[in-house]
Amino acid sequence: MEHVRWSSRPALRRPVLITAFEGWNDAGDAASTAARWLRDRWADRPFAEIDPEEFFDFTASRPQVRLVDGGRHIDWPLTDLTAGTVGDRDVVILLGNEPQLRWRTYCDQVVAVARELGVELVLTLGALLAEVPHTRPTSIVASTDDSVLAERIDATPSQYEGPTGIVGVLHDAFRRAGTPTASLWAAVSAYVPGAPSPKAALALVERVAGLLDTSVVTTDLEIASAAYERQVSEVVADDEEMTEYLAGLETQYDQEDGVPSPASLVEEVERFLREQRDR
């Protein structure tokens, strides 16, 4: 763990590691927003960070300068690790930017930290752009290669083949290390690609809470989600073509009884990843 900077080494009970990365895997900022929300309420004790020096191209992910007490302070694109307690077990949150360099080495650092802490389960959060209506509940795609875990959380093995992000590489690293992993992806309406989606973040938070058999009070996310839905609806209402397009998406969603088939969402995941590759 030569690239991990520890401030403390917490002793944890049956910890679950929850990860999210800003960037390629984070449509509508939904995954990072959900992880940040969970961190602030469940795991607000920082204990380590991954040094960015070996993993980022600073001409692409430039550090930020800000003024602190009259002096200049540089914020580097770190990966932060925090811990806390939820019910009868502990939670570790890993939140950072997707690195640009040395992914295998980076993932080895994360796996080593998880081994040091005794992590029993890894949950990765992601979000993708999909042909789904913003006026309906956000769909979550859950996948895992662990048969026991798949039955417990109603997930399926991923059949995806194609380009992947750091989330896919991290899953492979944990698989080789023998640690169970599951991935949760929120579907964000493709016709509002640039707007942060608190509605998708809320869906991820609720799904994580359900998997950990705990309850959460999400009033702030619910208020933000209602405002998001109202604002997008106002924009759509001013465009006749968009109104017709949305009506078609709503009809399709309702015909599927409010739960799009896993196959259709997997197709959306594959389309999203291929479009990212083409760009």
Protein backbone atom coordinates (compact mmCIF):
# COMPACT_ATOMS: atom_id res chain seq x y z
CA MET A 1 0.00 0.00 0.00
CA GLU A 2 2.80 2.39 -0.91
CA HIS A 3 0.37 4.95 -2.35
CA VAL A 4 -2.07 4.98 0.59
CA ARG A 5 -1.66 7.70 3.21
CA TRP A 6 -3.19 6.61 6.50
CA SER A 7 -4.23 9.08 9.19
CA SER A 8 -5.51 6.23 11.39
CA ARG A 9 -6.23 2.49 11.10
CA PRO A 10 -9.76 1.88 12.37
CA ALA A 11 -10.84 -1.46 13.82
CA LEU A 12 -14.13 -2.24 12.06
CA ARG A 13 -16.95 -4.77 12.44
CA ARG A 14 -17.96 -6.70 9.31
CA PRO A 15 -17.37 -3.64 7.12
CA VAL A 16 -18.99 -3.01 3.75
CA LEU A 17 -17.03 -0.91 1.25
CA ILE A 18 -19.13 1.47 -0.89
CA THR A 19 -17.34 3.14 -3.80
CA ALA A 20 -18.21 5.85 -6.31
CA PHE A 21 -16.10 7.73 -8.85
CA GLU A 22 -16.78 11.06 -10.48
CA GLY A 23 -16.41 11.12 -14.23
CA TRP A 24 -17.11 8.36 -16.75
CA ASN A 25 -19.23 6.20 -14.42
CA ASP A 26 -21.28 9.07 -12.99
CA ALA A 27 -24.06 10.34 -15.28
CA GLY A 28 -25.96 13.21 -13.69
CA ASP A 29 -23.45 13.12 -10.79
CA ALA A 30 -25.83 10.55 -9.30
CA ALA A 31 -23.30 8.01 -8.01
CA SER A 32 -20.95 10.55 -6.44
CA THR A 33 -23.89 12.49 -4.94
CA ALA A 34 -25.28 9.30 -3.40
CA ALA A 35 -21.88 8.29 -1.99
CA ARG A 36 -21.30 11.78 -0.61
CA TRP A 37 -24.75 11.77 1.01
CA LEU A 38 -24.07 8.38 2.61
CA ARG A 39 -20.61 9.47 3.71
CA ASP A 40 -21.92 12.57 5.46
CA ARG A 41 -24.49 10.55 7.43
CA TRP A 42 -22.95 7.11 7.86
CA ALA A 43 -19.20 7.38 7.55
CA ASP A 44 -17.86 10.84 8.33
CA ARG A 45 -14.56 9.75 9.94
CA PRO A 46 -11.68 10.12 7.43
CA PHE A 47 -8.86 7.65 7.91
CA ALA A 48 -6.92 7.40 4.63
CA GLU A 49 -6.46 8.77 1.12
CA ILE A 50 -4.77 7.53 -2.03
CA ASP A 51 -1.94 9.75 -3.25
CA PRO A 52 -2.88 11.01 -6.74
CA GLU A 53 0.69 11.48 -7.99
CA GLU A 54 0.94 8.15 -9.83
CA PHE A 55 -2.65 7.89 -11.03
CA PHE A 56 -3.67 11.24 -12.55
CA ASP A 57 -2.66 13.31 -15.53
CA PHE A 58 -2.73 16.74 -13.92
CA THR A 59 -3.06 18.45 -17.31
CA ALA A 60 -6.43 16.68 -17.66
CA SER A 61 -7.54 16.69 -14.00
CA ARG A 62 -6.02 19.93 -12.86
CA PRO A 63 -5.63 20.62 -9.13
CA GLN A 64 -7.69 23.53 -7.81
CA VAL A 65 -6.34 26.57 -5.99
CA ARG A 66 -8.40 28.23 -3.26
CA LEU A 67 -7.76 30.84 -0.60
CA VAL A 68 -7.61 29.66 3.02
CA ASP A 69 -7.02 32.21 5.79
CA GLY A 70 -5.44 34.60 3.33
CA GLY A 71 -3.11 32.00 1.82
CA ARG A 72 -3.31 29.76 -1.21
CA HIS A 73 -4.18 26.09 -0.81
CA ILE A 74 -4.07 23.45 -3.58
CA ASP A 75 -6.72 20.73 -3.68
CA TRP A 76 -5.46 17.63 -5.49
CA PRO A 77 -7.77 14.99 -7.05
CA LEU A 78 -7.57 12.61 -4.11
CA THR A 79 -9.41 9.39 -3.37
CA ASP A 80 -10.79 9.76 0.17
CA LEU A 81 -11.67 6.90 2.51
CA THR A 82 -13.97 7.41 5.49
CA ALA A 83 -15.62 5.06 7.98
CA GLY A 84 -18.62 4.91 10.27
CA THR A 85 -21.27 2.63 11.74
CA VAL A 86 -24.67 1.58 10.39
CA GLY A 87 -26.69 -0.74 12.60
CA ASP A 88 -24.63 -3.73 13.66
CA ARG A 89 -21.85 -3.27 11.12
CA ASP A 90 -19.41 -0.66 9.87
CA VAL A 91 -19.28 1.08 6.50
CA VAL A 92 -16.34 2.41 4.53
CA ILE A 93 -16.95 4.99 1.78
CA LEU A 94 -14.42 5.44 -1.02
CA LEU A 95 -15.08 8.57 -3.08
CA GLY A 96 -12.86 10.12 -5.73
CA ASN A 97 -12.30 10.94 -9.37
CA GLU A 98 -11.79 8.15 -11.85
CA PRO A 99 -7.99 7.90 -12.24
CA GLN A 100 -6.38 8.21 -15.67
CA LEU A 101 -3.21 6.17 -15.14
CA ARG A 102 -2.05 2.80 -13.76
CA TRP A 103 -5.49 1.35 -13.08
CA ARG A 104 -4.21 -2.06 -12.00
CA THR A 105 -1.87 -0.55 -9.46
CA TYR A 106 -4.62 1.78 -8.25
CA CYS A 107 -7.04 -1.12 -7.78
CA ASP A 108 -4.35 -3.11 -5.97
CA GLN A 109 -4.16 -0.24 -3.46
CA VAL A 110 -7.92 -0.32 -2.90
CA VAL A 111 -7.95 -4.11 -2.51
CA ALA A 112 -5.08 -3.92 -0.03
CA VAL A 113 -6.95 -1.35 2.08
CA ALA A 114 -10.07 -3.54 2.04
CA ARG A 115 -8.03 -6.57 3.11
CA GLU A 116 -6.42 -4.57 5.92
CA LEU A 117 -9.86 -3.53 7.20
CA GLY A 118 -11.49 -6.95 6.81
CA VAL A 119 -14.07 -5.81 4.24
CA GLU A 120 -16.71 -8.49 3.64
CA LEU A 121 -18.62 -6.94 0.75
CA VAL A 122 -17.96 -4.28 -1.90
CA LEU A 123 -20.77 -2.20 -3.43
CA THR A 124 -19.90 0.01 -6.38
CA LEU A 125 -22.24 2.81 -7.44
CA GLY A 126 -22.62 4.08 -10.98
CA ALA A 127 -25.04 5.98 -13.21
CA LEU A 128 -25.71 5.88 -16.93
CA LEU A 129 -27.74 7.82 -19.48
CA ALA A 130 -30.73 5.79 -20.67
CA GLU A 131 -34.02 6.18 -22.54
CA VAL A 132 -36.13 6.49 -19.40
CA PRO A 133 -38.70 9.14 -18.40
CA HIS A 134 -37.75 11.58 -15.65
CA THR A 135 -41.38 11.50 -14.44
CA ARG A 136 -41.21 7.88 -13.26
CA PRO A 137 -39.24 6.19 -10.44
CA THR A 138 -35.55 5.77 -11.24
CA SER A 139 -34.60 2.25 -12.33
CA ILE A 140 -31.59 0.59 -10.70
CA VAL A 141 -29.58 -2.16 -12.42
CA ALA A 142 -28.00 -4.55 -9.90
CA SER A 143 -25.39 -7.06 -10.99
CA THR A 144 -23.01 -9.48 -9.27
CA ASP A 145 -21.04 -12.59 -10.14
CA ASP A 146 -21.62 -14.08 -6.67
CA SER A 147 -24.52 -16.56 -6.85
CA VAL A 148 -25.39 -16.34 -3.14
CA LEU A 149 -25.33 -12.55 -3.17
CA ALA A 150 -27.31 -12.44 -6.43
CA GLU A 151 -30.23 -14.26 -4.84
CA ARG A 152 -30.18 -12.08 -1.74
CA ILE A 153 -30.16 -8.73 -3.53
CA ASP A 154 -32.13 -9.74 -6.66
CA ALA A 155 -29.21 -9.18 -9.02
CA THR A 156 -27.99 -10.91 -12.15
CA PRO A 157 -24.52 -11.66 -13.55
CA SER A 158 -23.40 -9.02 -16.03
CA GLN A 159 -23.32 -10.18 -19.66
CA TYR A 160 -21.66 -6.98 -20.86
CA GLU A 161 -18.69 -7.13 -23.24
CA GLY A 162 -16.92 -3.96 -24.32
CA PRO A 163 -15.02 -0.98 -22.91
CA THR A 164 -15.13 -0.51 -19.16
CA GLY A 165 -14.31 2.09 -16.54
CA ILE A 166 -12.48 1.92 -13.25
CA VAL A 167 -15.56 0.28 -11.69
CA GLY A 168 -15.22 -2.75 -13.96
CA VAL A 169 -11.50 -3.06 -13.29
CA LEU A 170 -12.07 -2.75 -9.55
CA HIS A 171 -14.67 -5.54 -9.63
CA ASP A 172 -12.18 -7.78 -11.40
CA ALA A 173 -9.49 -7.02 -8.82
CA PHE A 174 -11.81 -7.92 -5.94
CA ARG A 175 -13.00 -11.05 -7.74
CA ARG A 176 -9.41 -12.25 -7.99
CA ALA A 177 -8.95 -11.38 -4.31
CA GLY A 178 -12.00 -13.46 -3.35
CA THR A 179 -14.15 -10.60 -2.03
CA PRO A 180 -17.85 -10.55 -3.06
CA THR A 181 -18.88 -7.49 -5.06
CA ALA A 182 -22.10 -6.04 -6.41
CA SER A 183 -22.70 -3.09 -8.71
CA LEU A 184 -25.67 -0.70 -8.61
CA TRP A 185 -26.30 1.55 -11.62
CA ALA A 186 -28.98 4.25 -11.75
CA ALA A 187 -30.63 5.08 -15.08
CA VAL A 188 -30.60 8.85 -15.74
CA SER A 189 -32.83 10.37 -18.43
CA ALA A 190 -30.71 10.79 -21.54
CA TYR A 191 -32.46 14.01 -22.62
CA VAL A 192 -31.11 15.90 -19.58
CA PRO A 193 -27.46 14.74 -19.73
CA GLY A 194 -25.83 17.83 -18.24
CA ALA A 195 -28.02 18.33 -15.17
CA PRO A 196 -27.22 16.74 -11.80
CA SER A 197 -29.90 14.19 -10.93
CA PRO A 198 -30.79 14.10 -7.23
CA LYS A 199 -33.61 11.73 -8.18
CA ALA A 200 -31.16 9.08 -9.38
CA ALA A 201 -28.97 9.72 -6.33
CA LEU A 202 -31.99 9.17 -4.09
CA ALA A 203 -32.75 5.85 -5.78
CA LEU A 204 -29.17 4.67 -5.20
CA VAL A 205 -29.26 5.73 -1.55
CA GLU A 206 -32.53 3.89 -0.96
CA ARG A 207 -31.25 0.74 -2.69
CA VAL A 208 -28.04 0.72 -0.64
CA ALA A 209 -30.02 1.20 2.58
CA GLY A 210 -32.27 -1.69 1.62
CA LEU A 211 -29.31 -3.98 0.93
CA LEU A 212 -27.87 -3.15 4.34
CA ASP A 213 -31.25 -3.63 6.06
CA THR A 214 -31.32 -0.13 7.47
CA SER A 215 -33.60 2.88 7.15
CA VAL A 216 -32.65 6.39 6.06
CA VAL A 217 -34.34 9.78 6.29
CA THR A 218 -33.93 11.31 2.84
CA THR A 219 -36.06 14.45 3.12
CA ASP A 220 -33.43 16.71 1.55
CA LEU A 221 -32.94 14.40 -1.44
CA GLU A 222 -36.69 14.03 -1.85
CA ILE A 223 -37.15 17.81 -1.95
CA ALA A 224 -34.29 18.17 -4.45
CA SER A 225 -35.75 15.34 -6.55
CA ALA A 226 -39.18 16.99 -6.69
CA ALA A 227 -37.60 20.28 -7.76
CA TYR A 228 -35.54 18.48 -10.42
CA GLU A 229 -38.59 16.72 -11.84
CA ARG A 230 -40.61 19.95 -11.88
CA GLN A 231 -37.86 21.95 -13.61
CA VAL A 232 -37.25 19.32 -16.29
CA SER A 233 -41.01 19.02 -16.90
CA GLU A 234 -41.24 22.77 -17.42
CA VAL A 235 -38.49 22.66 -20.04
CA VAL A 236 -40.03 19.66 -21.82
CA ALA A 237 -43.48 21.32 -21.87
CA ASP A 238 -42.08 24.14 -24.01
CA ASP A 239 -40.95 21.75 -26.75
CA GLU A 240 -43.62 19.84 -28.70
CA GLU A 241 -41.23 17.16 -29.98
CA MET A 242 -39.84 16.57 -26.50
CA THR A 243 -43.37 16.34 -25.10
CA GLU A 244 -44.26 13.61 -27.61
CA TYR A 245 -40.98 11.82 -26.96
CA LEU A 246 -41.56 11.87 -23.19
CA ALA A 247 -45.10 10.55 -23.64
CA GLY A 248 -43.71 7.61 -25.58
CA LEU A 249 -41.17 6.84 -22.87
CA GLU A 250 -43.88 7.01 -20.20
CA THR A 251 -46.08 4.61 -22.15
CA GLN A 252 -43.24 2.15 -22.55
CA TYR A 253 -42.35 2.41 -18.85
CA ASP A 254 -45.97 1.89 -17.77
CA GLN A 255 -46.41 -1.10 -20.09
CA GLU A 256 -43.49 -2.72 -18.30
CA ASP A 257 -45.38 -2.29 -15.01
CA GLY A 258 -42.96 0.35 -13.83
CA VAL A 259 -39.99 -2.01 -13.84
CA PRO A 260 -38.03 -2.11 -17.11
CA SER A 261 -36.73 -5.57 -17.93
CA PRO A 262 -33.15 -6.33 -16.90
CA ALA A 263 -32.35 -7.09 -20.53
CA SER A 264 -33.49 -3.65 -21.71
CA LEU A 265 -31.49 -1.88 -19.04
CA VAL A 266 -28.41 -3.97 -19.78
CA GLU A 267 -28.78 -2.88 -23.40
CA GLU A 268 -28.82 0.73 -22.20
CA VAL A 269 -25.66 0.12 -20.16
CA GLU A 270 -23.94 -1.32 -23.21
CA ARG A 271 -25.07 1.54 -25.44
CA PHE A 272 -23.91 4.10 -22.87
CA LEU A 273 -20.47 2.52 -22.54
CA ARG A 274 -19.98 2.25 -26.28
CA GLU A 275 -20.98 5.89 -26.79
CA GLN A 276 -18.45 6.90 -24.15
CA ARG A 277 -15.80 4.90 -26.02
CA ASP A 278 -16.68 6.54 -29.34
CA ARG A 279 -16.37 10.01 -27.81
